[in-house]
Amino acid sequence: MGAGARVAGGATFDSRWLMPRQYVNTLTDGTPVDEIFLLVDKQLRANRNADLYLLAQLRDKTGQVSGLLWNVSEDSVGHIRQGDYVKVRGKVQVFQGNLQLILRDIDHVPDAAVDPKEFEMESTVNSDRLLPRLQELIDSISPPPLREVLQSFIDDTELRPLLLKAPAGIRLHHAYHGGLLEHIVSLMEVASRISDLYPRVDFNLVLAGVFLHDIGKVRELGFETTFLYTDEGQLLGHLSIGVEMLTEKIRAWEDRKGESFPEEIALRLKHMILSHHGSHDFGSPKLPMTPEAVVLHYLDTLDAKVHEFVALIDSDPNSQSSWTPFQSSIQRKVFKGVVPGRT
């Protein structure tokens, strides 16, 4: 296919896109950049003169870097959205010890013109290896009705491959294939290890709540190519979807067994799903109101935040800086440690 050939959707495919990539982790001060990245965040900001500029967070599989495009308007950058692939041209610059891209232009690139694997952060664990441990943890749960309902999720032939592949988020929170399962198993491991410290907490419910709390993300998120929110995800969110999925599995269990599932267990599980974000500001329709729901909320926050901080450190291309750039999502920089030779 030569330069100027057409691709799906009528866009023009530029053969220069097949040249060796300029990965984020290879960028150095003064390097000209003409490359495709994933736009993971897009913000319009105003400078001291009230002129608008674009602050873009650009990512490939090796890391993330900030890009700035001066003197823009809402219309001039309205053709690009978070989650798009974008072609950027500009130059690398060091500002206050951090690498950033000063952009001349930024354009949308059709999905068909890129290899999504070049932009996916890689999981640290093989999802197939997590399944046996997940099964062991599920097997440890009682009473039998609770364990059997959880097992029905694992045995669901349509759900299982989604659980193996789904990310836990589209940006930093385990944002790679298999990230959701890694997040779930990590939380279940922590819960199982601290259970002796809190004898008044029912850790059977905690383990079950951990398994179920983000299960709705298999339908909230699309993750075949780029990571994005589905229509169902945008309209309902994974908390509501998770409760709906649990209700369906409980109903199926009752039909098989010819008996009622324990009502209080069902209520406690649904409450844990709906309250695990911890506050109304973060999307929970209910605040945690049981010991098990509180444990789930803080374990979930711990795992997500630690992973986010580590991912920010690992993906930062500024090897000579002790700090990451300011991260708007957490309203702070992250300390990476003193670089040898720097004072």
C-alpha atoms as a PDB file:
ATOM      1  CA  MET A   1       0.000   0.000   0.000  1.00  0.00           C
ATOM      2  CA  GLY A   2       1.609   3.288  -1.072  1.00  0.00           C
ATOM      3  CA  ALA A   3       1.400   6.779   0.321  1.00  0.00           C
ATOM      4  CA  GLY A   4      -2.045   8.263  -0.153  1.00  0.00           C
ATOM      5  CA  ALA A   5      -3.841   4.877  -0.278  1.00  0.00           C
ATOM      6  CA  ARG A   6      -7.326   4.713   1.219  1.00  0.00           C
ATOM      7  CA  VAL A   7      -8.195   2.853   4.422  1.00  0.00           C
ATOM      8  CA  ALA A   8     -11.478   1.915   6.093  1.00  0.00           C
ATOM      9  CA  GLY A   9     -13.759   4.882   6.595  1.00  0.00           C
ATOM     10  CA  GLY A  10     -12.326   6.780   3.648  1.00  0.00           C
ATOM     11  CA  ALA A  11      -9.273   8.137   5.514  1.00  0.00           C
ATOM     12  CA  THR A  12      -5.923   8.378   3.805  1.00  0.00           C
ATOM     13  CA  PHE A  13      -3.187   6.000   4.966  1.00  0.00           C
ATOM     14  CA  ASP A  14       0.267   7.586   4.967  1.00  0.00           C
ATOM     15  CA  SER A  15       3.058   5.064   4.302  1.00  0.00           C
ATOM     16  CA  ARG A  16       5.359   7.085   6.552  1.00  0.00           C
ATOM     17  CA  TRP A  17       3.381   5.647   9.476  1.00  0.00           C
ATOM     18  CA  LEU A  18       5.132   2.339   8.805  1.00  0.00           C
ATOM     19  CA  MET A  19       8.557   3.817   9.653  1.00  0.00           C
ATOM     20  CA  PRO A  20      10.216   2.685  12.939  1.00  0.00           C
ATOM     21  CA  ARG A  21       8.411   4.242  15.886  1.00  0.00           C
ATOM     22  CA  GLN A  22       9.691   7.027  18.065  1.00  0.00           C
ATOM     23  CA  TYR A  23       8.787   5.476  21.397  1.00  0.00           C
ATOM     24  CA  VAL A  24       8.196   7.706  24.402  1.00  0.00           C
ATOM     25  CA  ASN A  25      11.065   6.116  26.310  1.00  0.00           C
ATOM     26  CA  THR A  26      13.530   7.088  23.544  1.00  0.00           C
ATOM     27  CA  LEU A  27      12.673  10.809  23.436  1.00  0.00           C
ATOM     28  CA  THR A  28      15.466  13.246  24.338  1.00  0.00           C
ATOM     29  CA  ASP A  29      15.765  17.010  24.569  1.00  0.00           C
ATOM     30  CA  GLY A  30      15.723  18.681  21.175  1.00  0.00           C
ATOM     31  CA  THR A  31      14.499  15.650  19.235  1.00  0.00           C
ATOM     32  CA  PRO A  32      12.020  16.438  16.429  1.00  0.00           C
ATOM     33  CA  VAL A  33       8.909  14.270  16.684  1.00  0.00           C
ATOM     34  CA  ASP A  34       6.602  13.106  13.897  1.00  0.00           C
ATOM     35  CA  GLU A  35       4.700  10.184  15.368  1.00  0.00           C
ATOM     36  CA  ILE A  36       1.380   8.595  16.362  1.00  0.00           C
ATOM     37  CA  PHE A  37       0.349   8.344  20.003  1.00  0.00           C
ATOM     38  CA  LEU A  38      -2.762   7.504  22.002  1.00  0.00           C
ATOM     39  CA  LEU A  39      -4.451  10.609  23.384  1.00  0.00           C
ATOM     40  CA  VAL A  40      -5.218   9.598  26.970  1.00  0.00           C
ATOM     41  CA  ASP A  41      -6.190  13.062  28.186  1.00  0.00           C
ATOM     42  CA  LYS A  42      -7.081  16.376  26.556  1.00  0.00           C
ATOM     43  CA  GLN A  43      -7.432  19.671  28.416  1.00  0.00           C
ATOM     44  CA  LEU A  44      -7.906  23.218  27.179  1.00  0.00           C
ATOM     45  CA  ARG A  45      -6.240  25.733  29.469  1.00  0.00           C
ATOM     46  CA  ALA A  46      -5.725  29.487  29.475  1.00  0.00           C
ATOM     47  CA  ASN A  47      -2.372  31.229  29.882  1.00  0.00           C
ATOM     48  CA  ARG A  48      -1.808  34.528  31.668  1.00  0.00           C
ATOM     49  CA  ASN A  49      -3.100  36.428  28.637  1.00  0.00           C
ATOM     50  CA  ALA A  50      -6.271  34.306  28.576  1.00  0.00           C
ATOM     51  CA  ASP A  51      -5.143  32.632  25.332  1.00  0.00           C
ATOM     52  CA  LEU A  52      -6.114  28.975  25.110  1.00  0.00           C
ATOM     53  CA  TYR A  53      -3.605  26.155  24.744  1.00  0.00           C
ATOM     54  CA  LEU A  54      -3.987  22.377  24.548  1.00  0.00           C
ATOM     55  CA  LEU A  55      -2.418  20.151  27.187  1.00  0.00           C
ATOM     56  CA  ALA A  56      -2.410  16.598  25.830  1.00  0.00           C
ATOM     57  CA  GLN A  57      -1.254  13.427  27.553  1.00  0.00           C
ATOM     58  CA  LEU A  58       0.225  11.157  24.894  1.00  0.00           C
ATOM     59  CA  ARG A  59       1.012   7.479  25.373  1.00  0.00           C
ATOM     60  CA  ASP A  60       2.457   4.436  23.713  1.00  0.00           C
ATOM     61  CA  LYS A  61       3.339   1.088  25.258  1.00  0.00           C
ATOM     62  CA  THR A  62       6.601   2.429  26.712  1.00  0.00           C
ATOM     63  CA  GLY A  63       5.340   5.474  28.567  1.00  0.00           C
ATOM     64  CA  GLN A  64       3.472   8.748  28.632  1.00  0.00           C
ATOM     65  CA  VAL A  65       4.513  12.329  27.863  1.00  0.00           C
ATOM     66  CA  SER A  66       2.812  15.725  27.952  1.00  0.00           C
ATOM     67  CA  GLY A  67       2.277  17.662  24.729  1.00  0.00           C
ATOM     68  CA  LEU A  68       1.464  21.363  24.480  1.00  0.00           C
ATOM     69  CA  LEU A  69      -0.057  23.142  21.492  1.00  0.00           C
ATOM     70  CA  TRP A  70      -0.243  26.923  21.825  1.00  0.00           C
ATOM     71  CA  ASN A  71      -2.858  29.353  20.547  1.00  0.00           C
ATOM     72  CA  VAL A  72      -5.758  26.996  19.949  1.00  0.00           C
ATOM     73  CA  SER A  73      -9.518  27.329  20.047  1.00  0.00           C
ATOM     74  CA  GLU A  74     -12.195  24.813  20.984  1.00  0.00           C
ATOM     75  CA  ASP A  75     -13.033  24.419  17.298  1.00  0.00           C
ATOM     76  CA  SER A  76      -9.441  23.885  16.175  1.00  0.00           C
ATOM     77  CA  VAL A  77      -8.982  20.847  18.442  1.00  0.00           C
ATOM     78  CA  GLY A  78     -12.600  19.682  18.424  1.00  0.00           C
ATOM     79  CA  HIS A  79     -11.752  16.934  15.912  1.00  0.00           C
ATOM     80  CA  ILE A  80      -9.746  14.964  18.502  1.00  0.00           C
ATOM     81  CA  ARG A  81     -11.089  13.283  21.627  1.00  0.00           C
ATOM     82  CA  GLN A  82      -9.710  11.363  24.570  1.00  0.00           C
ATOM     83  CA  GLY A  83      -9.069   7.781  23.458  1.00  0.00           C
ATOM     84  CA  ASP A  84      -8.236   8.754  19.856  1.00  0.00           C
ATOM     85  CA  TYR A  85      -5.027   7.923  18.075  1.00  0.00           C
ATOM     86  CA  VAL A  86      -3.356  11.170  17.035  1.00  0.00           C
ATOM     87  CA  LYS A  87      -0.495  12.141  14.751  1.00  0.00           C
ATOM     88  CA  VAL A  88       1.657  14.850  16.338  1.00  0.00           C
ATOM     89  CA  ARG A  89       4.505  16.932  14.991  1.00  0.00           C
ATOM     90  CA  GLY A  90       6.768  19.002  17.161  1.00  0.00           C
ATOM     91  CA  LYS A  91       9.925  18.982  19.222  1.00  0.00           C
ATOM     92  CA  VAL A  92      11.004  17.623  22.590  1.00  0.00           C
ATOM     93  CA  GLN A  93      11.846  20.247  25.178  1.00  0.00           C
ATOM     94  CA  VAL A  94      13.024  20.103  28.771  1.00  0.00           C
ATOM     95  CA  PHE A  95      11.027  22.361  31.087  1.00  0.00           C
ATOM     96  CA  GLN A  96      11.798  22.445  34.806  1.00  0.00           C
ATOM     97  CA  GLY A  97      13.638  19.148  34.474  1.00  0.00           C
ATOM     98  CA  ASN A  98      10.822  17.345  32.660  1.00  0.00           C
ATOM     99  CA  LEU A  99      10.504  16.294  29.030  1.00  0.00           C
ATOM    100  CA  GLN A 100       7.520  17.599  27.117  1.00  0.00           C
ATOM    101  CA  LEU A 101       6.505  17.930  23.487  1.00  0.00           C
ATOM    102  CA  ILE A 102       5.973  21.381  22.034  1.00  0.00           C
ATOM    103  CA  LEU A 103       3.541  20.639  19.210  1.00  0.00           C
ATOM    104  CA  ARG A 104       3.099  22.309  15.850  1.00  0.00           C
ATOM    105  CA  ASP A 105      -0.015  20.320  15.008  1.00  0.00           C
ATOM    106  CA  ILE A 106      -2.099  17.344  16.081  1.00  0.00           C
ATOM    107  CA  ASP A 107      -4.422  15.314  13.860  1.00  0.00           C
ATOM    108  CA  HIS A 108      -6.800  12.394  14.279  1.00  0.00           C
ATOM    109  CA  VAL A 109      -5.619   9.015  12.963  1.00  0.00           C
ATOM    110  CA  PRO A 110      -8.149   6.282  12.050  1.00  0.00           C
ATOM    111  CA  ASP A 111      -8.067   3.126  14.170  1.00  0.00           C
ATOM    112  CA  ALA A 112      -7.535   1.012  11.049  1.00  0.00           C
ATOM    113  CA  ALA A 113      -4.177   2.703  10.431  1.00  0.00           C
ATOM    114  CA  VAL A 114      -2.488   1.611  13.680  1.00  0.00           C
ATOM    115  CA  ASP A 115      -1.501  -1.497  15.589  1.00  0.00           C
ATOM    116  CA  PRO A 116      -3.269  -1.201  18.987  1.00  0.00           C
ATOM    117  CA  LYS A 117      -0.584  -3.305  20.663  1.00  0.00           C
ATOM    118  CA  GLU A 118       1.865  -0.421  20.227  1.00  0.00           C
ATOM    119  CA  PHE A 119      -0.200   1.621  22.686  1.00  0.00           C
ATOM    120  CA  GLU A 120      -1.190  -0.911  25.346  1.00  0.00           C
ATOM    121  CA  MET A 121       0.625  -0.976  28.658  1.00  0.00           C
ATOM    122  CA  GLU A 122       1.602  -4.581  29.285  1.00  0.00           C
ATOM    123  CA  SER A 123       0.306  -6.649  32.179  1.00  0.00           C
ATOM    124  CA  THR A 124       2.856  -7.858  34.695  1.00  0.00           C
ATOM    125  CA  VAL A 125       0.996 -11.167  35.056  1.00  0.00           C
ATOM    126  CA  ASN A 126      -0.298 -13.701  32.536  1.00  0.00           C
ATOM    127  CA  SER A 127      -4.084 -13.797  32.926  1.00  0.00           C
ATOM    128  CA  ASP A 128      -4.195 -17.562  32.364  1.00  0.00           C
ATOM    129  CA  ARG A 129      -1.932 -18.031  35.390  1.00  0.00           C
ATOM    130  CA  LEU A 130      -4.288 -16.006  37.562  1.00  0.00           C
ATOM    131  CA  LEU A 131      -7.292 -18.232  36.925  1.00  0.00           C
ATOM    132  CA  PRO A 132      -6.117 -21.200  39.041  1.00  0.00           C
ATOM    133  CA  ARG A 133      -5.464 -18.886  41.994  1.00  0.00           C
ATOM    134  CA  LEU A 134      -8.835 -17.207  41.517  1.00  0.00           C
ATOM    135  CA  GLN A 135     -10.456 -20.644  41.553  1.00  0.00           C
ATOM    136  CA  GLU A 136      -8.679 -21.545  44.804  1.00  0.00           C
ATOM    137  CA  LEU A 137      -9.914 -18.343  46.439  1.00  0.00           C
ATOM    138  CA  ILE A 138     -13.474 -18.914  45.225  1.00  0.00           C
ATOM    139  CA  ASP A 139     -13.337 -22.504  46.542  1.00  0.00           C
ATOM    140  CA  SER A 140     -12.448 -21.178  50.007  1.00  0.00           C
ATOM    141  CA  ILE A 141     -15.661 -19.165  50.321  1.00  0.00           C
ATOM    142  CA  SER A 142     -18.712 -20.264  52.301  1.00  0.00           C
ATOM    143  CA  PRO A 143     -21.643 -20.789  52.643  1.00  0.00           C
ATOM    144  CA  PRO A 144     -22.221 -23.033  49.606  1.00  0.00           C
ATOM    145  CA  PRO A 145     -24.959 -20.862  48.005  1.00  0.00           C
ATOM    146  CA  LEU A 146     -22.582 -17.885  47.912  1.00  0.00           C
ATOM    147  CA  ARG A 147     -19.719 -19.961  46.519  1.00  0.00           C
ATOM    148  CA  GLU A 148     -21.961 -21.530  43.883  1.00  0.00           C
ATOM    149  CA  VAL A 149     -23.239 -18.168  42.617  1.00  0.00           C
ATOM    150  CA  LEU A 150     -19.667 -16.892  42.317  1.00  0.00           C
ATOM    151  CA  GLN A 151     -18.673 -20.090  40.534  1.00  0.00           C
ATOM    152  CA  SER A 152     -21.438 -19.503  37.993  1.00  0.00           C
ATOM    153  CA  PHE A 153     -19.606 -16.351  36.864  1.00  0.00           C
ATOM    154  CA  ILE A 154     -16.406 -18.347  36.303  1.00  0.00           C
ATOM    155  CA  ASP A 155     -18.268 -21.103  34.460  1.00  0.00           C
ATOM    156  CA  ASP A 156     -20.090 -18.671  32.145  1.00  0.00           C
ATOM    157  CA  THR A 157     -18.615 -19.397  28.712  1.00  0.00           C
ATOM    158  CA  GLU A 158     -19.493 -15.935  27.404  1.00  0.00           C
ATOM    159  CA  LEU A 159     -18.237 -14.048  30.451  1.00  0.00           C
ATOM    160  CA  ARG A 160     -14.999 -15.961  31.062  1.00  0.00           C
ATOM    161  CA  PRO A 161     -13.054 -14.718  27.995  1.00  0.00           C
ATOM    162  CA  LEU A 162     -14.158 -11.156  28.753  1.00  0.00           C
ATOM    163  CA  LEU A 163     -12.898 -11.489  32.317  1.00  0.00           C
ATOM    164  CA  LEU A 164      -9.547 -12.708  30.999  1.00  0.00           C
ATOM    165  CA  LYS A 165      -9.155  -9.768  28.622  1.00  0.00           C
ATOM    166  CA  ALA A 166     -10.848  -6.759  30.234  1.00  0.00           C
ATOM    167  CA  PRO A 167      -8.822  -3.849  31.606  1.00  0.00           C
ATOM    168  CA  ALA A 168      -9.792  -2.297  34.917  1.00  0.00           C
ATOM    169  CA  GLY A 169      -9.745   1.204  33.414  1.00  0.00           C
ATOM    170  CA  ILE A 170      -9.023   3.088  30.212  1.00  0.00           C
ATOM    171  CA  ARG A 171      -6.118   5.228  31.441  1.00  0.00           C
ATOM    172  CA  LEU A 172      -4.027   4.400  34.520  1.00  0.00           C
ATOM    173  CA  HIS A 173      -6.003   1.929  36.648  1.00  0.00           C
ATOM    174  CA  HIS A 174      -4.701  -1.418  35.322  1.00  0.00           C
ATOM    175  CA  ALA A 175      -5.326  -0.091  31.807  1.00  0.00           C
ATOM    176  CA  TYR A 176      -4.213  -3.129  29.845  1.00  0.00           C
ATOM    177  CA  HIS A 177      -5.683  -6.433  28.736  1.00  0.00           C
ATOM    178  CA  GLY A 178      -6.078  -8.682  31.763  1.00  0.00           C
ATOM    179  CA  GLY A 179      -5.877  -5.735  34.140  1.00  0.00           C
ATOM    180  CA  LEU A 180      -9.297  -6.369  35.657  1.00  0.00           C
ATOM    181  CA  LEU A 181      -8.499  -9.955  36.606  1.00  0.00           C
ATOM    182  CA  GLU A 182      -5.114  -8.901  37.986  1.00  0.00           C
ATOM    183  CA  HIS A 183      -6.827  -6.230  40.112  1.00  0.00           C
ATOM    184  CA  ILE A 184      -9.455  -8.684  41.402  1.00  0.00           C
ATOM    185  CA  VAL A 185      -6.977 -11.413  42.343  1.00  0.00           C
ATOM    186  CA  SER A 186      -4.610  -8.908  43.993  1.00  0.00           C
ATOM    187  CA  LEU A 187      -7.428  -7.620  46.189  1.00  0.00           C
ATOM    188  CA  MET A 188      -8.578 -11.124  47.069  1.00  0.00           C
ATOM    189  CA  GLU A 189      -5.009 -12.034  48.050  1.00  0.00           C
ATOM    190  CA  VAL A 190      -4.751  -9.016  50.358  1.00  0.00           C
ATOM    191  CA  ALA A 191      -8.174  -9.725  51.862  1.00  0.00           C
ATOM    192  CA  SER A 192      -7.264 -13.344  52.586  1.00  0.00           C
ATOM    193  CA  ARG A 193      -4.013 -12.291  54.283  1.00  0.00           C
ATOM    194  CA  ILE A 194      -5.553  -9.733  56.657  1.00  0.00           C
ATOM    195  CA  SER A 195      -8.656 -11.702  57.601  1.00  0.00           C
ATOM    196  CA  ASP A 196      -7.196 -12.871  60.947  1.00  0.00           C
ATOM    197  CA  LEU A 197      -6.680  -9.252  62.020  1.00  0.00           C
ATOM    198  CA  TYR A 198     -10.377  -8.379  61.856  1.00  0.00           C
ATOM    199  CA  PRO A 199     -12.411 -11.204  63.434  1.00  0.00           C
ATOM    200  CA  ARG A 200     -15.631  -9.156  63.421  1.00  0.00           C
ATOM    201  CA  VAL A 201     -15.544  -8.823  59.633  1.00  0.00           C
ATOM    202  CA  ASP A 202     -17.030 -11.564  57.450  1.00  0.00           C
ATOM    203  CA  PHE A 203     -14.230 -12.143  54.971  1.00  0.00           C
ATOM    204  CA  ASN A 204     -16.327 -14.607  52.998  1.00  0.00           C
ATOM    205  CA  LEU A 205     -18.410 -11.578  52.047  1.00  0.00           C
ATOM    206  CA  VAL A 206     -15.296  -9.450  51.523  1.00  0.00           C
ATOM    207  CA  LEU A 207     -13.807 -11.983  49.100  1.00  0.00           C
ATOM    208  CA  ALA A 208     -17.121 -12.264  47.288  1.00  0.00           C
ATOM    209  CA  GLY A 209     -17.463  -8.471  47.146  1.00  0.00           C
ATOM    210  CA  VAL A 210     -13.948  -8.119  45.770  1.00  0.00           C
ATOM    211  CA  PHE A 211     -14.724 -10.580  43.007  1.00  0.00           C
ATOM    212  CA  LEU A 212     -17.982  -8.812  42.140  1.00  0.00           C
ATOM    213  CA  HIS A 213     -17.183  -5.121  42.701  1.00  0.00           C
ATOM    214  CA  ASP A 214     -15.856  -4.395  39.196  1.00  0.00           C
ATOM    215  CA  ILE A 215     -17.415  -7.294  37.292  1.00  0.00           C
ATOM    216  CA  GLY A 216     -19.647  -4.825  35.443  1.00  0.00           C
ATOM    217  CA  LYS A 217     -16.573  -3.472  33.664  1.00  0.00           C
ATOM    218  CA  VAL A 218     -16.695  -6.371  31.225  1.00  0.00           C
ATOM    219  CA  ARG A 219     -19.754  -4.577  29.803  1.00  0.00           C
ATOM    220  CA  GLU A 220     -18.943  -0.996  30.777  1.00  0.00           C
ATOM    221  CA  LEU A 221     -15.725  -0.971  28.751  1.00  0.00           C
ATOM    222  CA  GLY A 222     -14.953  -1.808  25.151  1.00  0.00           C
ATOM    223  CA  PHE A 223     -11.485  -3.297  24.769  1.00  0.00           C
ATOM    224  CA  GLU A 224     -11.224  -5.128  21.469  1.00  0.00           C
ATOM    225  CA  THR A 225      -8.991  -2.420  19.965  1.00  0.00           C
ATOM    226  CA  THR A 226      -8.884   0.891  21.793  1.00  0.00           C
ATOM    227  CA  PHE A 227     -10.160   1.134  25.362  1.00  0.00           C
ATOM    228  CA  LEU A 228     -13.370   3.145  25.569  1.00  0.00           C
ATOM    229  CA  TYR A 229     -16.735   3.275  27.297  1.00  0.00           C
ATOM    230  CA  THR A 230     -19.599   1.382  25.692  1.00  0.00           C
ATOM    231  CA  ASP A 231     -23.019   2.981  25.340  1.00  0.00           C
ATOM    232  CA  GLU A 232     -24.208   0.780  28.216  1.00  0.00           C
ATOM    233  CA  GLY A 233     -21.197   1.826  30.258  1.00  0.00           C
ATOM    234  CA  GLN A 234     -21.820   5.514  29.654  1.00  0.00           C
ATOM    235  CA  LEU A 235     -25.532   5.261  30.477  1.00  0.00           C
ATOM    236  CA  LEU A 236     -25.446   2.851  33.435  1.00  0.00           C
ATOM    237  CA  GLY A 237     -21.886   2.474  34.752  1.00  0.00           C
ATOM    238  CA  HIS A 238     -20.248  -0.669  36.084  1.00  0.00           C
ATOM    239  CA  LEU A 239     -21.821  -0.421  39.557  1.00  0.00           C
ATOM    240  CA  SER A 240     -25.361  -0.701  38.218  1.00  0.00           C
ATOM    241  CA  ILE A 241     -24.316  -3.262  35.620  1.00  0.00           C
ATOM    242  CA  GLY A 242     -22.623  -5.347  38.330  1.00  0.00           C
ATOM    243  CA  VAL A 243     -25.770  -5.425  40.478  1.00  0.00           C
ATOM    244  CA  GLU A 244     -27.777  -6.429  37.408  1.00  0.00           C
ATOM    245  CA  MET A 245     -25.329  -9.258  36.613  1.00  0.00           C
ATOM    246  CA  LEU A 246     -25.433 -10.515  40.201  1.00  0.00           C
ATOM    247  CA  THR A 247     -29.237 -10.425  40.233  1.00  0.00           C
ATOM    248  CA  GLU A 248     -29.310 -12.517  37.047  1.00  0.00           C
ATOM    249  CA  LYS A 249     -26.909 -15.107  38.498  1.00  0.00           C
ATOM    250  CA  ILE A 250     -28.853 -15.348  41.766  1.00  0.00           C
ATOM    251  CA  ARG A 251     -32.105 -15.838  39.848  1.00  0.00           C
ATOM    252  CA  ALA A 252     -30.503 -18.578  37.749  1.00  0.00           C
ATOM    253  CA  TRP A 253     -29.203 -20.277  40.924  1.00  0.00           C
ATOM    254  CA  GLU A 254     -32.685 -20.195  42.453  1.00  0.00           C
ATOM    255  CA  ASP A 255     -34.173 -21.716  39.292  1.00  0.00           C
ATOM    256  CA  ARG A 256     -31.621 -24.547  39.367  1.00  0.00           C
ATOM    257  CA  LYS A 257     -31.933 -25.232  43.086  1.00  0.00           C
ATOM    258  CA  GLY A 258     -35.661 -24.634  43.502  1.00  0.00           C
ATOM    259  CA  GLU A 259     -35.013 -22.583  46.622  1.00  0.00           C
ATOM    260  CA  SER A 260     -34.415 -18.963  47.613  1.00  0.00           C
ATOM    261  CA  PHE A 261     -30.915 -17.497  47.839  1.00  0.00           C
ATOM    262  CA  PRO A 262     -30.186 -16.047  51.323  1.00  0.00           C
ATOM    263  CA  GLU A 263     -31.758 -12.579  51.185  1.00  0.00           C
ATOM    264  CA  GLU A 264     -29.350 -10.815  53.541  1.00  0.00           C
ATOM    265  CA  ILE A 265     -26.288 -12.092  51.691  1.00  0.00           C
ATOM    266  CA  ALA A 266     -27.742 -10.809  48.423  1.00  0.00           C
ATOM    267  CA  LEU A 267     -28.446  -7.390  49.972  1.00  0.00           C
ATOM    268  CA  ARG A 268     -24.966  -7.124  51.473  1.00  0.00           C
ATOM    269  CA  LEU A 269     -23.304  -8.066  48.192  1.00  0.00           C
ATOM    270  CA  LYS A 270     -25.335  -5.566  46.182  1.00  0.00           C
ATOM    271  CA  HIS A 271     -24.574  -2.880  48.760  1.00  0.00           C
ATOM    272  CA  MET A 272     -20.847  -3.605  48.474  1.00  0.00           C
ATOM    273  CA  ILE A 273     -20.970  -3.207  44.697  1.00  0.00           C
ATOM    274  CA  LEU A 274     -22.925   0.053  44.884  1.00  0.00           C
ATOM    275  CA  SER A 275     -20.826   1.596  47.675  1.00  0.00           C
ATOM    276  CA  HIS A 276     -17.276   0.520  46.820  1.00  0.00           C
ATOM    277  CA  HIS A 277     -16.252   3.918  45.378  1.00  0.00           C
ATOM    278  CA  GLY A 278     -16.714   5.231  48.891  1.00  0.00           C
ATOM    279  CA  SER A 279     -18.459   8.555  48.324  1.00  0.00           C
ATOM    280  CA  HIS A 280     -21.113  10.225  46.230  1.00  0.00           C
ATOM    281  CA  ASP A 281     -18.448  12.446  44.663  1.00  0.00           C
ATOM    282  CA  PHE A 282     -16.759   9.361  43.181  1.00  0.00           C
ATOM    283  CA  GLY A 283     -19.931   7.824  41.822  1.00  0.00           C
ATOM    284  CA  SER A 284     -21.238   5.628  44.620  1.00  0.00           C
ATOM    285  CA  PRO A 285     -25.018   5.998  45.008  1.00  0.00           C
ATOM    286  CA  LYS A 286     -24.639   4.678  48.576  1.00  0.00           C
ATOM    287  CA  LEU A 287     -21.932   5.174  51.190  1.00  0.00           C
ATOM    288  CA  PRO A 288     -20.383   2.023  52.743  1.00  0.00           C
ATOM    289  CA  MET A 289     -22.623   1.003  55.629  1.00  0.00           C
ATOM    290  CA  THR A 290     -21.252  -2.396  56.655  1.00  0.00           C
ATOM    291  CA  PRO A 291     -17.792  -3.435  57.898  1.00  0.00           C
ATOM    292  CA  GLU A 292     -17.327  -5.559  54.780  1.00  0.00           C
ATOM    293  CA  ALA A 293     -18.216  -2.654  52.483  1.00  0.00           C
ATOM    294  CA  VAL A 294     -15.702  -0.397  54.249  1.00  0.00           C
ATOM    295  CA  VAL A 295     -12.955  -3.011  53.895  1.00  0.00           C
ATOM    296  CA  LEU A 296     -13.731  -3.440  50.198  1.00  0.00           C
ATOM    297  CA  HIS A 297     -13.655   0.321  49.572  1.00  0.00           C
ATOM    298  CA  TYR A 298     -10.261   0.851  51.169  1.00  0.00           C
ATOM    299  CA  LEU A 299      -8.681  -2.254  49.650  1.00  0.00           C
ATOM    300  CA  ASP A 300      -9.917  -1.168  46.227  1.00  0.00           C
ATOM    301  CA  THR A 301      -8.559   2.350  46.721  1.00  0.00           C
ATOM    302  CA  LEU A 302      -5.223   1.027  47.972  1.00  0.00           C
ATOM    303  CA  ASP A 303      -4.663  -1.234  44.982  1.00  0.00           C
ATOM    304  CA  ALA A 304      -5.815   1.312  42.414  1.00  0.00           C
ATOM    305  CA  LYS A 305      -3.782   4.201  43.850  1.00  0.00           C
ATOM    306  CA  VAL A 306      -0.566   2.244  44.396  1.00  0.00           C
ATOM    307  CA  HIS A 307      -0.816   0.904  40.861  1.00  0.00           C
ATOM    308  CA  GLU A 308      -1.492   4.413  39.518  1.00  0.00           C
ATOM    309  CA  PHE A 309       1.540   5.907  41.272  1.00  0.00           C
ATOM    310  CA  VAL A 310       3.831   3.082  40.128  1.00  0.00           C
ATOM    311  CA  ALA A 311       2.505   3.357  36.562  1.00  0.00           C
ATOM    312  CA  LEU A 312       3.171   7.114  36.544  1.00  0.00           C
ATOM    313  CA  ILE A 313       6.738   6.526  37.719  1.00  0.00           C
ATOM    314  CA  ASP A 314       7.395   3.695  35.267  1.00  0.00           C
ATOM    315  CA  SER A 315       5.898   5.498  32.272  1.00  0.00           C
ATOM    316  CA  ASP A 316       7.680   8.827  32.857  1.00  0.00           C
ATOM    317  CA  PRO A 317      10.364   9.352  30.184  1.00  0.00           C
ATOM    318  CA  ASN A 318      12.177  11.977  32.293  1.00  0.00           C
ATOM    319  CA  SER A 319      14.991   9.761  33.537  1.00  0.00           C
ATOM    320  CA  GLN A 320      17.028  12.700  34.868  1.00  0.00           C
ATOM    321  CA  SER A 321      14.231  14.076  37.036  1.00  0.00           C
ATOM    322  CA  SER A 322      13.440  12.985  40.583  1.00  0.00           C
ATOM    323  CA  TRP A 323       9.794  13.917  40.021  1.00  0.00           C
ATOM    324  CA  THR A 324       7.125  13.140  37.472  1.00  0.00           C
ATOM    325  CA  PRO A 325       5.405  16.096  35.791  1.00  0.00           C
ATOM    326  CA  PHE A 326       2.343  17.463  37.559  1.00  0.00           C
ATOM    327  CA  GLN A 327      -0.536  15.027  37.145  1.00  0.00           C
ATOM    328  CA  SER A 328      -3.903  16.748  36.866  1.00  0.00           C
ATOM    329  CA  SER A 329      -5.770  13.524  37.686  1.00  0.00           C
ATOM    330  CA  ILE A 330      -4.271  13.390  41.199  1.00  0.00           C
ATOM    331  CA  GLN A 331      -3.367  17.098  41.553  1.00  0.00           C
ATOM    332  CA  ARG A 332       0.281  16.472  42.394  1.00  0.00           C
ATOM    333  CA  LYS A 333       3.674  15.365  41.165  1.00  0.00           C
ATOM    334  CA  VAL A 334       5.007  11.950  42.210  1.00  0.00           C
ATOM    335  CA  PHE A 335       8.461  11.584  43.775  1.00  0.00           C
ATOM    336  CA  LYS A 336      10.498   8.928  41.962  1.00  0.00           C
ATOM    337  CA  GLY A 337      13.590   9.099  44.118  1.00  0.00           C
ATOM    338  CA  VAL A 338      16.849  11.004  43.899  1.00  0.00           C
ATOM    339  CA  VAL A 339      18.660  10.453  40.617  1.00  0.00           C
ATOM    340  CA  PRO A 340      22.339   9.490  41.208  1.00  0.00           C
ATOM    341  CA  GLY A 341      24.613  12.424  40.395  1.00  0.00           C
ATOM    342  CA  ARG A 342      21.880  15.035  40.888  1.00  0.00           C
ATOM    343  CA  THR A 343      21.592  17.195  43.967  1.00  0.00           C
END
